[in-house]
Amino acid sequence: MNGDRTLNVEIYGRNYALRADGSSDHLKKIAQIVHDKMVALEQTSGTVDTTRLAILAALNLADELAQLQQTLEHERMTTRKALARLDELVDAGLAGKSSESPA
C-alpha cells in the first residue's frame, strides 16, 4: 500500500469516507471549501435540495478554477515576454561590451 488511508469528512451535513493519498489536512480543507460553497449557495439561492446545491457548487468551483487557469496562463505569457525582453537586453549589452576596444 502506498500510504492511502480513509478519512471521514462532513460536507453539508453528510459524512463521507474518502481515501486520502496525501495530507489529511489538505483533504479536510477542500471538503470545507465544498461545504462552505454549498452553504453560501443555499443562502443565496434559497434551495435546500442537496443534489442541486452540489451541482451548483461544482459549477461555481469549476468557474473559479477556469478563471484562475486563464489568469495563470496570462501571467505565464507576460513572464515569458518579459524574460525574452531581458534576454535581448542582456545579449545587446554583452554584444556592446565585446565590440568595445580595450583602452
N, C-alpha and C. Protein backbone atom coordinates (compact mmCIF):
# COMPACT_ATOMS: atom_id res chain seq x y z
N MET A 1 0.84 -1.18 0.00
CA MET A 1 0.00 0.00 0.00
C MET A 1 0.88 1.24 0.00
N ASN A 2 0.48 2.28 -0.68
CA ASN A 2 1.34 3.46 -0.85
C ASN A 2 0.94 4.61 0.07
N GLY A 3 0.44 4.32 1.28
CA GLY A 3 0.10 5.38 2.20
C GLY A 3 -1.33 5.84 2.12
N ASP A 4 -2.15 5.19 1.30
CA ASP A 4 -3.56 5.55 1.24
C ASP A 4 -4.21 5.22 2.58
N ARG A 5 -5.10 6.09 3.01
CA ARG A 5 -5.88 5.84 4.22
C ARG A 5 -7.24 6.46 4.04
N THR A 6 -8.19 6.01 4.81
CA THR A 6 -9.55 6.52 4.72
C THR A 6 -9.73 7.62 5.74
N LEU A 7 -10.33 8.71 5.30
CA LEU A 7 -10.59 9.85 6.17
C LEU A 7 -12.07 10.18 6.08
N ASN A 8 -12.69 10.39 7.22
CA ASN A 8 -14.10 10.78 7.26
C ASN A 8 -14.20 12.29 7.29
N VAL A 9 -14.98 12.83 6.37
CA VAL A 9 -15.22 14.28 6.33
C VAL A 9 -16.72 14.51 6.26
N GLU A 10 -17.14 15.66 6.73
CA GLU A 10 -18.54 16.03 6.66
C GLU A 10 -18.70 17.20 5.70
N ILE A 11 -19.61 17.02 4.76
CA ILE A 11 -19.91 18.07 3.80
C ILE A 11 -21.42 18.26 3.80
N TYR A 12 -21.84 19.43 4.17
CA TYR A 12 -23.26 19.79 4.15
C TYR A 12 -24.11 18.77 4.90
N GLY A 13 -23.62 18.41 6.09
CA GLY A 13 -24.38 17.53 6.97
C GLY A 13 -24.30 16.04 6.65
N ARG A 14 -23.54 15.68 5.66
CA ARG A 14 -23.40 14.26 5.30
C ARG A 14 -21.95 13.84 5.48
N ASN A 15 -21.78 12.64 5.99
CA ASN A 15 -20.44 12.10 6.21
C ASN A 15 -20.00 11.29 5.00
N TYR A 16 -18.74 11.47 4.65
CA TYR A 16 -18.16 10.75 3.52
C TYR A 16 -16.83 10.14 3.97
N ALA A 17 -16.64 8.88 3.66
CA ALA A 17 -15.37 8.21 3.91
C ALA A 17 -14.58 8.29 2.60
N LEU A 18 -13.53 9.08 2.62
CA LEU A 18 -12.75 9.33 1.41
C LEU A 18 -11.34 8.79 1.59
N ARG A 19 -10.79 8.28 0.51
CA ARG A 19 -9.43 7.78 0.55
C ARG A 19 -8.48 8.96 0.33
N ALA A 20 -7.56 9.10 1.25
CA ALA A 20 -6.58 10.19 1.17
C ALA A 20 -5.22 9.60 0.87
N ASP A 21 -4.64 10.03 -0.26
CA ASP A 21 -3.30 9.55 -0.59
C ASP A 21 -2.24 10.59 -0.26
N GLY A 22 -2.69 11.74 0.19
CA GLY A 22 -1.76 12.80 0.57
C GLY A 22 -2.07 13.25 1.99
N SER A 23 -1.98 14.53 2.19
CA SER A 23 -2.20 15.11 3.51
C SER A 23 -3.68 15.07 3.88
N SER A 24 -3.97 14.57 5.07
CA SER A 24 -5.35 14.58 5.54
C SER A 24 -5.82 16.01 5.76
N ASP A 25 -4.91 16.89 6.13
CA ASP A 25 -5.27 18.31 6.30
C ASP A 25 -5.74 18.91 4.99
N HIS A 26 -5.10 18.54 3.90
CA HIS A 26 -5.49 19.05 2.59
C HIS A 26 -6.90 18.57 2.22
N LEU A 27 -7.17 17.30 2.44
CA LEU A 27 -8.50 16.76 2.14
C LEU A 27 -9.56 17.43 3.00
N LYS A 28 -9.26 17.65 4.27
CA LYS A 28 -10.21 18.34 5.15
C LYS A 28 -10.45 19.77 4.66
N LYS A 29 -9.39 20.41 4.20
CA LYS A 29 -9.51 21.79 3.71
C LYS A 29 -10.40 21.86 2.48
N ILE A 30 -10.20 20.96 1.52
CA ILE A 30 -11.02 21.03 0.31
C ILE A 30 -12.47 20.60 0.59
N ALA A 31 -12.66 19.68 1.53
CA ALA A 31 -14.03 19.32 1.93
C ALA A 31 -14.72 20.53 2.55
N GLN A 32 -13.98 21.30 3.34
CA GLN A 32 -14.55 22.50 3.96
C GLN A 32 -14.89 23.55 2.90
N ILE A 33 -14.08 23.66 1.87
CA ILE A 33 -14.37 24.59 0.78
C ILE A 33 -15.68 24.22 0.10
N VAL A 34 -15.86 22.92 -0.18
CA VAL A 34 -17.11 22.47 -0.81
C VAL A 34 -18.29 22.73 0.12
N HIS A 35 -18.13 22.41 1.39
CA HIS A 35 -19.20 22.66 2.37
C HIS A 35 -19.57 24.14 2.41
N ASP A 36 -18.57 24.99 2.53
CA ASP A 36 -18.81 26.44 2.60
C ASP A 36 -19.51 26.95 1.34
N LYS A 37 -19.11 26.43 0.18
CA LYS A 37 -19.73 26.85 -1.07
C LYS A 37 -21.21 26.44 -1.09
N MET A 38 -21.50 25.23 -0.64
CA MET A 38 -22.89 24.76 -0.62
C MET A 38 -23.74 25.58 0.34
N VAL A 39 -23.18 25.92 1.51
CA VAL A 39 -23.92 26.74 2.48
C VAL A 39 -24.18 28.12 1.89
N ALA A 40 -23.17 28.72 1.27
CA ALA A 40 -23.35 30.05 0.67
C ALA A 40 -24.40 30.01 -0.43
N LEU A 41 -24.38 28.97 -1.25
CA LEU A 41 -25.37 28.86 -2.32
C LEU A 41 -26.78 28.63 -1.77
N GLU A 42 -26.87 27.90 -0.68
CA GLU A 42 -28.18 27.71 -0.05
C GLU A 42 -28.75 29.06 0.38
N GLN A 43 -27.90 29.88 0.95
CA GLN A 43 -28.35 31.19 1.44
C GLN A 43 -28.74 32.12 0.30
N THR A 44 -28.01 32.06 -0.80
CA THR A 44 -28.31 32.98 -1.90
C THR A 44 -29.39 32.47 -2.84
N SER A 45 -29.47 31.14 -2.99
CA SER A 45 -30.45 30.59 -3.94
C SER A 45 -31.77 30.23 -3.29
N GLY A 46 -31.74 29.99 -1.99
CA GLY A 46 -32.96 29.61 -1.31
C GLY A 46 -33.30 28.14 -1.43
N THR A 47 -32.55 27.39 -2.21
CA THR A 47 -32.83 25.96 -2.36
C THR A 47 -32.12 25.17 -1.26
N VAL A 48 -32.74 24.08 -0.84
CA VAL A 48 -32.12 23.21 0.14
C VAL A 48 -31.90 21.81 -0.44
N ASP A 49 -32.21 21.64 -1.71
CA ASP A 49 -32.01 20.36 -2.37
C ASP A 49 -30.51 20.08 -2.47
N THR A 50 -30.08 19.05 -1.77
CA THR A 50 -28.65 18.75 -1.68
C THR A 50 -28.01 18.51 -3.05
N THR A 51 -28.69 17.77 -3.90
CA THR A 51 -28.14 17.47 -5.22
C THR A 51 -27.98 18.75 -6.03
N ARG A 52 -29.00 19.58 -6.01
CA ARG A 52 -28.94 20.85 -6.75
C ARG A 52 -27.81 21.74 -6.21
N LEU A 53 -27.70 21.81 -4.88
CA LEU A 53 -26.62 22.61 -4.29
C LEU A 53 -25.25 22.05 -4.64
N ALA A 54 -25.13 20.73 -4.67
CA ALA A 54 -23.84 20.12 -5.02
C ALA A 54 -23.47 20.44 -6.47
N ILE A 55 -24.46 20.39 -7.37
CA ILE A 55 -24.20 20.72 -8.78
C ILE A 55 -23.83 22.19 -8.91
N LEU A 56 -24.58 23.06 -8.24
CA LEU A 56 -24.26 24.50 -8.29
C LEU A 56 -22.88 24.78 -7.72
N ALA A 57 -22.54 24.10 -6.62
CA ALA A 57 -21.21 24.27 -6.03
C ALA A 57 -20.13 23.81 -7.00
N ALA A 58 -20.36 22.66 -7.65
CA ALA A 58 -19.38 22.16 -8.62
C ALA A 58 -19.20 23.14 -9.77
N LEU A 59 -20.31 23.69 -10.26
CA LEU A 59 -20.23 24.66 -11.36
C LEU A 59 -19.50 25.92 -10.93
N ASN A 60 -19.80 26.41 -9.74
CA ASN A 60 -19.13 27.61 -9.23
C ASN A 60 -17.64 27.36 -9.05
N LEU A 61 -17.28 26.23 -8.47
CA LEU A 61 -15.87 25.92 -8.26
C LEU A 61 -15.15 25.70 -9.59
N ALA A 62 -15.82 25.08 -10.55
CA ALA A 62 -15.21 24.89 -11.88
C ALA A 62 -15.00 26.24 -12.56
N ASP A 63 -15.95 27.16 -12.39
CA ASP A 63 -15.80 28.50 -12.95
C ASP A 63 -14.61 29.22 -12.32
N GLU A 64 -14.49 29.13 -11.00
CA GLU A 64 -13.35 29.74 -10.31
C GLU A 64 -12.04 29.14 -10.82
N LEU A 65 -12.01 27.83 -10.99
CA LEU A 65 -10.82 27.16 -11.49
C LEU A 65 -10.47 27.64 -12.90
N ALA A 66 -11.48 27.72 -13.76
CA ALA A 66 -11.25 28.17 -15.14
C ALA A 66 -10.71 29.60 -15.17
N GLN A 67 -11.25 30.46 -14.32
CA GLN A 67 -10.77 31.84 -14.26
C GLN A 67 -9.33 31.89 -13.77
N LEU A 68 -9.01 31.09 -12.75
CA LEU A 68 -7.64 31.05 -12.24
C LEU A 68 -6.67 30.50 -13.28
N GLN A 69 -7.10 29.49 -14.03
CA GLN A 69 -6.25 28.94 -15.09
C GLN A 69 -6.00 29.98 -16.17
N GLN A 70 -7.02 30.75 -16.51
CA GLN A 70 -6.87 31.80 -17.52
C GLN A 70 -5.92 32.88 -17.01
N THR A 71 -6.06 33.26 -15.75
CA THR A 71 -5.17 34.25 -15.16
C THR A 71 -3.73 33.73 -15.13
N LEU A 72 -3.57 32.47 -14.75
CA LEU A 72 -2.24 31.87 -14.71
C LEU A 72 -1.60 31.86 -16.09
N GLU A 73 -2.36 31.49 -17.11
CA GLU A 73 -1.83 31.46 -18.47
C GLU A 73 -1.43 32.86 -18.92
N HIS A 74 -2.24 33.86 -18.58
CA HIS A 74 -1.91 35.24 -18.92
C HIS A 74 -0.61 35.66 -18.24
N GLU A 75 -0.47 35.31 -16.96
CA GLU A 75 0.75 35.65 -16.23
C GLU A 75 1.96 34.93 -16.81
N ARG A 76 1.78 33.68 -17.22
CA ARG A 76 2.88 32.95 -17.85
C ARG A 76 3.33 33.63 -19.13
N MET A 77 2.37 34.05 -19.95
CA MET A 77 2.70 34.72 -21.21
C MET A 77 3.41 36.04 -20.93
N THR A 78 2.92 36.79 -19.96
CA THR A 78 3.55 38.05 -19.59
C THR A 78 4.98 37.82 -19.11
N THR A 79 5.17 36.78 -18.31
CA THR A 79 6.50 36.46 -17.80
C THR A 79 7.43 36.03 -18.92
N ARG A 80 6.92 35.20 -19.84
CA ARG A 80 7.75 34.78 -20.99
C ARG A 80 8.20 35.97 -21.82
N LYS A 81 7.28 36.91 -22.06
CA LYS A 81 7.63 38.10 -22.84
C LYS A 81 8.66 38.94 -22.11
N ALA A 82 8.49 39.10 -20.80
CA ALA A 82 9.45 39.89 -20.02
C ALA A 82 10.82 39.22 -20.02
N LEU A 83 10.85 37.90 -19.87
CA LEU A 83 12.13 37.19 -19.89
C LEU A 83 12.80 37.27 -21.26
N ALA A 84 12.00 37.19 -22.33
CA ALA A 84 12.56 37.31 -23.68
C ALA A 84 13.16 38.70 -23.87
N ARG A 85 12.47 39.72 -23.37
CA ARG A 85 12.98 41.10 -23.49
C ARG A 85 14.26 41.26 -22.68
N LEU A 86 14.29 40.71 -21.48
CA LEU A 86 15.51 40.77 -20.67
C LEU A 86 16.66 40.05 -21.36
N ASP A 87 16.36 38.92 -21.96
CA ASP A 87 17.37 38.16 -22.69
C ASP A 87 17.95 39.00 -23.83
N GLU A 88 17.06 39.69 -24.56
CA GLU A 88 17.51 40.57 -25.64
C GLU A 88 18.40 41.68 -25.10
N LEU A 89 18.01 42.28 -23.98
CA LEU A 89 18.80 43.36 -23.40
C LEU A 89 20.16 42.87 -22.93
N VAL A 90 20.20 41.69 -22.32
CA VAL A 90 21.47 41.12 -21.88
C VAL A 90 22.36 40.83 -23.08
N ASP A 91 21.77 40.21 -24.12
CA ASP A 91 22.55 39.93 -25.33
C ASP A 91 23.09 41.21 -25.96
N ALA A 92 22.25 42.24 -26.01
CA ALA A 92 22.68 43.52 -26.59
C ALA A 92 23.79 44.13 -25.74
N GLY A 93 23.66 44.02 -24.43
CA GLY A 93 24.69 44.56 -23.54
C GLY A 93 26.00 43.82 -23.69
N LEU A 94 25.92 42.49 -23.78
CA LEU A 94 27.13 41.70 -23.96
C LEU A 94 27.76 41.95 -25.32
N ALA A 95 26.95 42.11 -26.34
CA ALA A 95 27.47 42.39 -27.68
C ALA A 95 28.16 43.75 -27.69
N GLY A 96 27.61 44.70 -26.98
CA GLY A 96 28.22 46.03 -26.90
C GLY A 96 29.54 46.00 -26.18
N LYS A 97 29.64 45.21 -25.12
CA LYS A 97 30.89 45.12 -24.37
C LYS A 97 31.97 44.41 -25.18
N SER A 98 31.58 43.38 -25.95
CA SER A 98 32.59 42.64 -26.71
C SER A 98 33.09 43.45 -27.90
N SER A 99 32.31 44.42 -28.36
CA SER A 99 32.75 45.22 -29.51
C SER A 99 33.57 46.43 -29.06
N GLU A 100 33.59 46.70 -27.75
CA GLU A 100 34.41 47.82 -27.27
C GLU A 100 35.87 47.40 -27.30
N SER A 101 36.73 48.33 -27.72
CA SER A 101 38.15 48.01 -27.72
C SER A 101 38.75 48.39 -26.38
N PRO A 102 39.68 47.57 -25.91
CA PRO A 102 40.30 47.88 -24.62
C PRO A 102 41.13 49.16 -24.71
N ALA A 103 41.08 49.92 -23.64
CA ALA A 103 41.79 51.20 -23.63
C ALA A 103 43.22 51.06 -23.21
